[in-house]
């Protein structure tokens, strides 16, 4: 386990650096992956984590369904304006 310094620097463990051939001066890429962060050596192909992407897609689908259920248009509620109001603004009649 590594700690983050006050300057937001992180030390790569030697075993990891050896395994992925990371040397001093090499660039590494920080990739956001849902609720975690992946560290990828520069030049390496970033392979999408399929399970993580499917989980995020499912979460987004649930959020969209919740928004649709709460939308006034879906419930027949009055939004206070009509579609025609939007298209008629600022036009001379």
N, C-alpha and C. Protein backbone atom coordinates (compact mmCIF):
# COMPACT_ATOMS: atom_id res chain seq x y z
N UNK A 1 0.85 -1.17 0.00
CA UNK A 1 0.00 0.00 0.00
C UNK A 1 0.89 1.23 0.00
N UNK A 2 0.49 2.23 -0.77
CA UNK A 2 1.23 3.49 -0.85
C UNK A 2 0.42 4.59 -0.21
N UNK A 3 1.11 5.61 0.30
CA UNK A 3 0.45 6.78 0.85
C UNK A 3 0.64 7.94 -0.11
N UNK A 4 -0.31 8.85 -0.08
CA UNK A 4 -0.22 10.06 -0.87
C UNK A 4 0.45 11.13 -0.02
N UNK A 5 1.48 11.79 -0.57
CA UNK A 5 2.19 12.82 0.18
C UNK A 5 1.41 14.13 0.14
N UNK A 6 1.90 15.12 0.88
CA UNK A 6 1.24 16.43 0.90
C UNK A 6 1.27 17.11 -0.47
N UNK A 7 2.19 16.67 -1.33
CA UNK A 7 2.27 17.21 -2.68
C UNK A 7 1.50 16.33 -3.68
N UNK A 8 0.66 15.43 -3.16
CA UNK A 8 -0.15 14.51 -3.96
C UNK A 8 0.71 13.56 -4.81
N UNK A 9 1.86 13.17 -4.28
CA UNK A 9 2.73 12.22 -4.96
C UNK A 9 2.51 10.84 -4.38
N UNK A 10 2.68 9.82 -5.24
CA UNK A 10 2.48 8.44 -4.83
C UNK A 10 3.71 7.63 -5.25
N UNK A 11 4.13 6.70 -4.40
CA UNK A 11 5.24 5.81 -4.73
C UNK A 11 4.68 4.50 -5.28
N UNK A 12 5.22 4.08 -6.41
CA UNK A 12 4.82 2.80 -6.99
C UNK A 12 5.63 1.70 -6.32
N UNK A 13 4.96 0.70 -5.77
CA UNK A 13 5.71 -0.40 -5.14
C UNK A 13 6.65 -1.06 -6.14
N UNK A 14 7.83 -1.46 -5.67
CA UNK A 14 8.86 -2.04 -6.54
C UNK A 14 8.36 -3.25 -7.29
N UNK A 15 7.60 -4.12 -6.64
CA UNK A 15 7.10 -5.33 -7.31
C UNK A 15 6.20 -4.97 -8.49
N UNK A 16 5.38 -3.94 -8.32
CA UNK A 16 4.49 -3.50 -9.40
C UNK A 16 5.31 -2.84 -10.51
N UNK A 17 6.27 -1.99 -10.12
CA UNK A 17 7.11 -1.32 -11.12
C UNK A 17 7.89 -2.34 -11.94
N UNK A 18 8.42 -3.38 -11.29
CA UNK A 18 9.16 -4.41 -12.01
C UNK A 18 8.24 -5.20 -12.95
N UNK A 19 7.07 -5.56 -12.45
CA UNK A 19 6.15 -6.37 -13.26
C UNK A 19 5.69 -5.63 -14.52
N UNK A 20 5.45 -4.32 -14.39
CA UNK A 20 4.94 -3.54 -15.52
C UNK A 20 6.02 -2.69 -16.18
N UNK A 21 7.28 -2.96 -15.83
CA UNK A 21 8.45 -2.29 -16.42
C UNK A 21 8.32 -0.76 -16.36
N UNK A 22 7.96 -0.25 -15.18
CA UNK A 22 7.88 1.19 -14.95
C UNK A 22 9.22 1.64 -14.38
N UNK A 23 9.82 2.63 -15.05
CA UNK A 23 11.12 3.14 -14.64
C UNK A 23 10.99 4.60 -14.22
N UNK A 24 11.96 5.12 -13.44
CA UNK A 24 11.93 6.55 -13.10
C UNK A 24 11.88 7.40 -14.37
N UNK A 25 11.00 8.38 -14.37
CA UNK A 25 10.85 9.26 -15.53
C UNK A 25 9.75 8.82 -16.48
N UNK A 26 9.26 7.59 -16.33
CA UNK A 26 8.16 7.13 -17.18
C UNK A 26 6.88 7.88 -16.84
N UNK A 27 6.03 8.05 -17.84
CA UNK A 27 4.72 8.65 -17.62
C UNK A 27 3.73 7.53 -17.31
N UNK A 28 2.78 7.84 -16.43
CA UNK A 28 1.70 6.90 -16.16
C UNK A 28 0.38 7.63 -16.34
N UNK A 29 -0.64 6.91 -16.66
CA UNK A 29 -1.95 7.46 -16.93
C UNK A 29 -2.89 7.08 -15.81
N UNK A 30 -3.63 8.05 -15.27
CA UNK A 30 -4.62 7.81 -14.22
C UNK A 30 -5.98 7.79 -14.89
N UNK A 31 -6.68 6.66 -14.79
CA UNK A 31 -7.96 6.48 -15.48
C UNK A 31 -9.06 6.29 -14.45
N UNK A 32 -10.08 7.16 -14.49
CA UNK A 32 -11.24 7.01 -13.61
C UNK A 32 -12.04 5.81 -14.09
N UNK A 33 -12.41 4.95 -13.17
CA UNK A 33 -13.15 3.74 -13.50
C UNK A 33 -14.24 3.52 -12.46
N UNK A 34 -15.34 4.26 -12.63
CA UNK A 34 -16.42 4.17 -11.65
C UNK A 34 -16.00 4.77 -10.33
N UNK A 35 -16.01 3.97 -9.29
CA UNK A 35 -15.64 4.45 -7.96
C UNK A 35 -14.18 4.16 -7.63
N UNK A 36 -13.39 3.78 -8.62
CA UNK A 36 -11.99 3.49 -8.39
C UNK A 36 -11.14 4.21 -9.45
N UNK A 37 -9.83 4.16 -9.27
CA UNK A 37 -8.89 4.78 -10.20
C UNK A 37 -7.91 3.71 -10.66
N UNK A 38 -7.68 3.64 -11.96
CA UNK A 38 -6.71 2.69 -12.50
C UNK A 38 -5.46 3.45 -12.90
N UNK A 39 -4.31 2.88 -12.64
CA UNK A 39 -3.04 3.47 -13.04
C UNK A 39 -2.49 2.61 -14.17
N UNK A 40 -2.25 3.26 -15.32
CA UNK A 40 -1.83 2.53 -16.51
C UNK A 40 -0.52 3.12 -17.01
N UNK A 41 0.48 2.29 -17.26
CA UNK A 41 1.72 2.82 -17.84
C UNK A 41 1.44 3.47 -19.19
N UNK A 42 2.05 4.63 -19.44
CA UNK A 42 1.85 5.32 -20.71
C UNK A 42 2.26 4.41 -21.86
N UNK A 43 1.50 4.45 -22.92
CA UNK A 43 1.79 3.61 -24.08
C UNK A 43 1.07 2.27 -24.02
N UNK A 44 0.60 1.88 -22.85
CA UNK A 44 -0.14 0.63 -22.73
C UNK A 44 -1.57 0.85 -23.20
N UNK A 45 -2.16 -0.18 -23.75
CA UNK A 45 -3.54 -0.11 -24.18
C UNK A 45 -4.44 -0.13 -22.95
N UNK A 46 -5.37 0.82 -22.85
CA UNK A 46 -6.33 0.83 -21.75
C UNK A 46 -7.50 -0.05 -22.16
N UNK A 47 -7.59 -1.20 -21.53
CA UNK A 47 -8.66 -2.13 -21.85
C UNK A 47 -9.87 -1.80 -20.97
N UNK A 48 -11.03 -1.66 -21.59
CA UNK A 48 -12.20 -1.35 -20.77
C UNK A 48 -12.56 -2.51 -19.85
N UNK A 49 -12.88 -2.18 -18.63
CA UNK A 49 -13.30 -3.16 -17.66
C UNK A 49 -14.79 -3.43 -17.93
N UNK A 50 -15.08 -4.51 -18.61
CA UNK A 50 -16.44 -4.80 -19.08
C UNK A 50 -17.43 -4.90 -17.92
N UNK A 51 -17.06 -5.57 -16.86
CA UNK A 51 -17.97 -5.71 -15.72
C UNK A 51 -18.29 -4.35 -15.13
N UNK A 52 -17.29 -3.50 -14.99
CA UNK A 52 -17.51 -2.16 -14.44
C UNK A 52 -18.38 -1.33 -15.37
N UNK A 53 -18.14 -1.41 -16.67
CA UNK A 53 -18.94 -0.64 -17.62
C UNK A 53 -20.39 -1.10 -17.62
N UNK A 54 -20.61 -2.40 -17.51
CA UNK A 54 -21.98 -2.91 -17.45
C UNK A 54 -22.68 -2.45 -16.18
N UNK A 55 -21.95 -2.44 -15.07
CA UNK A 55 -22.52 -1.98 -13.81
C UNK A 55 -22.91 -0.50 -13.91
N UNK A 56 -22.04 0.33 -14.48
CA UNK A 56 -22.33 1.75 -14.64
C UNK A 56 -23.51 1.96 -15.58
N UNK A 57 -23.59 1.16 -16.64
CA UNK A 57 -24.71 1.27 -17.58
C UNK A 57 -26.02 0.94 -16.88
N UNK A 58 -26.02 -0.11 -16.07
CA UNK A 58 -27.23 -0.49 -15.34
C UNK A 58 -27.65 0.60 -14.36
N UNK A 59 -26.68 1.21 -13.68
CA UNK A 59 -26.99 2.30 -12.75
C UNK A 59 -27.59 3.49 -13.50
N UNK A 60 -27.03 3.82 -14.65
CA UNK A 60 -27.55 4.93 -15.44
C UNK A 60 -28.96 4.64 -15.94
N UNK A 61 -29.21 3.40 -16.31
CA UNK A 61 -30.54 3.01 -16.77
C UNK A 61 -31.57 3.16 -15.65
N UNK A 62 -31.19 2.75 -14.44
CA UNK A 62 -32.11 2.91 -13.29
C UNK A 62 -32.37 4.39 -12.99
N UNK A 63 -31.30 5.22 -13.05
CA UNK A 63 -31.49 6.65 -12.80
C UNK A 63 -32.42 7.26 -13.84
N UNK A 64 -32.24 6.87 -15.09
CA UNK A 64 -33.08 7.41 -16.16
C UNK A 64 -34.54 6.99 -15.97
N UNK A 65 -34.76 5.77 -15.54
CA UNK A 65 -36.13 5.30 -15.30
C UNK A 65 -36.75 6.07 -14.13
N UNK A 66 -35.95 6.37 -13.10
CA UNK A 66 -36.47 7.15 -11.96
C UNK A 66 -36.82 8.57 -12.40
N UNK A 67 -35.97 9.17 -13.23
CA UNK A 67 -36.26 10.53 -13.72
C UNK A 67 -37.53 10.53 -14.56
N UNK A 68 -37.67 9.53 -15.40
CA UNK A 68 -38.86 9.45 -16.26
C UNK A 68 -40.12 9.30 -15.41
N UNK A 69 -40.04 8.54 -14.34
CA UNK A 69 -41.20 8.33 -13.47
C UNK A 69 -41.56 9.61 -12.72
N UNK A 70 -40.58 10.47 -12.45
CA UNK A 70 -40.81 11.71 -11.70
C UNK A 70 -41.16 12.89 -12.61
N UNK A 71 -41.00 12.72 -13.90
CA UNK A 71 -41.21 13.80 -14.85
C UNK A 71 -42.69 14.19 -14.91
N UNK A 72 -42.99 15.50 -14.90
CA UNK A 72 -44.39 15.94 -15.00
C UNK A 72 -45.05 15.47 -16.30
N UNK A 73 -44.27 15.37 -17.35
CA UNK A 73 -44.85 14.92 -18.63
C UNK A 73 -45.37 13.50 -18.52
N UNK A 74 -44.68 12.66 -17.79
CA UNK A 74 -45.10 11.27 -17.65
C UNK A 74 -46.31 11.13 -16.73
N UNK A 75 -46.43 12.07 -15.78
CA UNK A 75 -47.52 11.98 -14.81
C UNK A 75 -48.72 12.81 -15.24
N UNK A 76 -48.63 13.48 -16.37
CA UNK A 76 -49.75 14.29 -16.83
C UNK A 76 -49.87 15.60 -16.09
N UNK A 77 -48.84 16.00 -15.37
CA UNK A 77 -48.87 17.25 -14.60
C UNK A 77 -48.67 18.46 -15.49
N UNK A 78 -48.94 19.63 -14.93
CA UNK A 78 -48.81 20.87 -15.67
C UNK A 78 -47.43 21.46 -15.41
N UNK A 79 -46.69 21.70 -16.48
CA UNK A 79 -45.35 22.27 -16.34
C UNK A 79 -45.39 23.79 -16.27
N UNK A 80 -46.51 24.38 -16.63
CA UNK A 80 -46.60 25.83 -16.64
C UNK A 80 -46.31 26.43 -17.99
N UNK A 81 -46.01 25.62 -18.99
CA UNK A 81 -45.77 26.09 -20.34
C UNK A 81 -46.11 24.97 -21.32
N UNK A 82 -46.31 25.35 -22.56
CA UNK A 82 -46.60 24.35 -23.59
C UNK A 82 -45.51 24.39 -24.65
N UNK A 83 -45.50 23.40 -25.45
CA UNK A 83 -44.51 23.34 -26.53
C UNK A 83 -44.70 24.51 -27.49
N UNK A 84 -45.93 24.86 -27.75
CA UNK A 84 -46.21 25.97 -28.65
C UNK A 84 -45.68 27.29 -28.09
N UNK A 85 -45.71 27.44 -26.75
CA UNK A 85 -45.15 28.65 -26.13
C UNK A 85 -43.67 28.78 -26.46
N UNK A 86 -42.96 27.70 -26.48
CA UNK A 86 -41.52 27.75 -26.76
C UNK A 86 -41.24 28.19 -28.19
N UNK A 87 -42.03 27.70 -29.13
CA UNK A 87 -41.79 28.01 -30.53
C UNK A 87 -42.35 29.38 -30.94
N UNK A 88 -43.25 29.93 -30.14
CA UNK A 88 -43.86 31.20 -30.50
C UNK A 88 -43.19 32.41 -29.88
N UNK A 89 -42.24 32.23 -29.01
CA UNK A 89 -41.60 33.36 -28.35
C UNK A 89 -40.79 34.21 -29.31
N UNK A 90 -40.95 35.49 -29.16
CA UNK A 90 -40.12 36.43 -29.94
C UNK A 90 -40.46 36.53 -31.40
N UNK A 91 -41.48 35.89 -31.84
CA UNK A 91 -41.86 35.97 -33.26
C UNK A 91 -43.05 36.90 -33.41
N UNK A 92 -43.02 37.67 -34.46
CA UNK A 92 -44.19 38.50 -34.75
C UNK A 92 -45.25 37.62 -35.38
N UNK A 93 -46.46 37.92 -35.09
CA UNK A 93 -47.55 37.07 -35.62
C UNK A 93 -48.30 37.75 -36.70
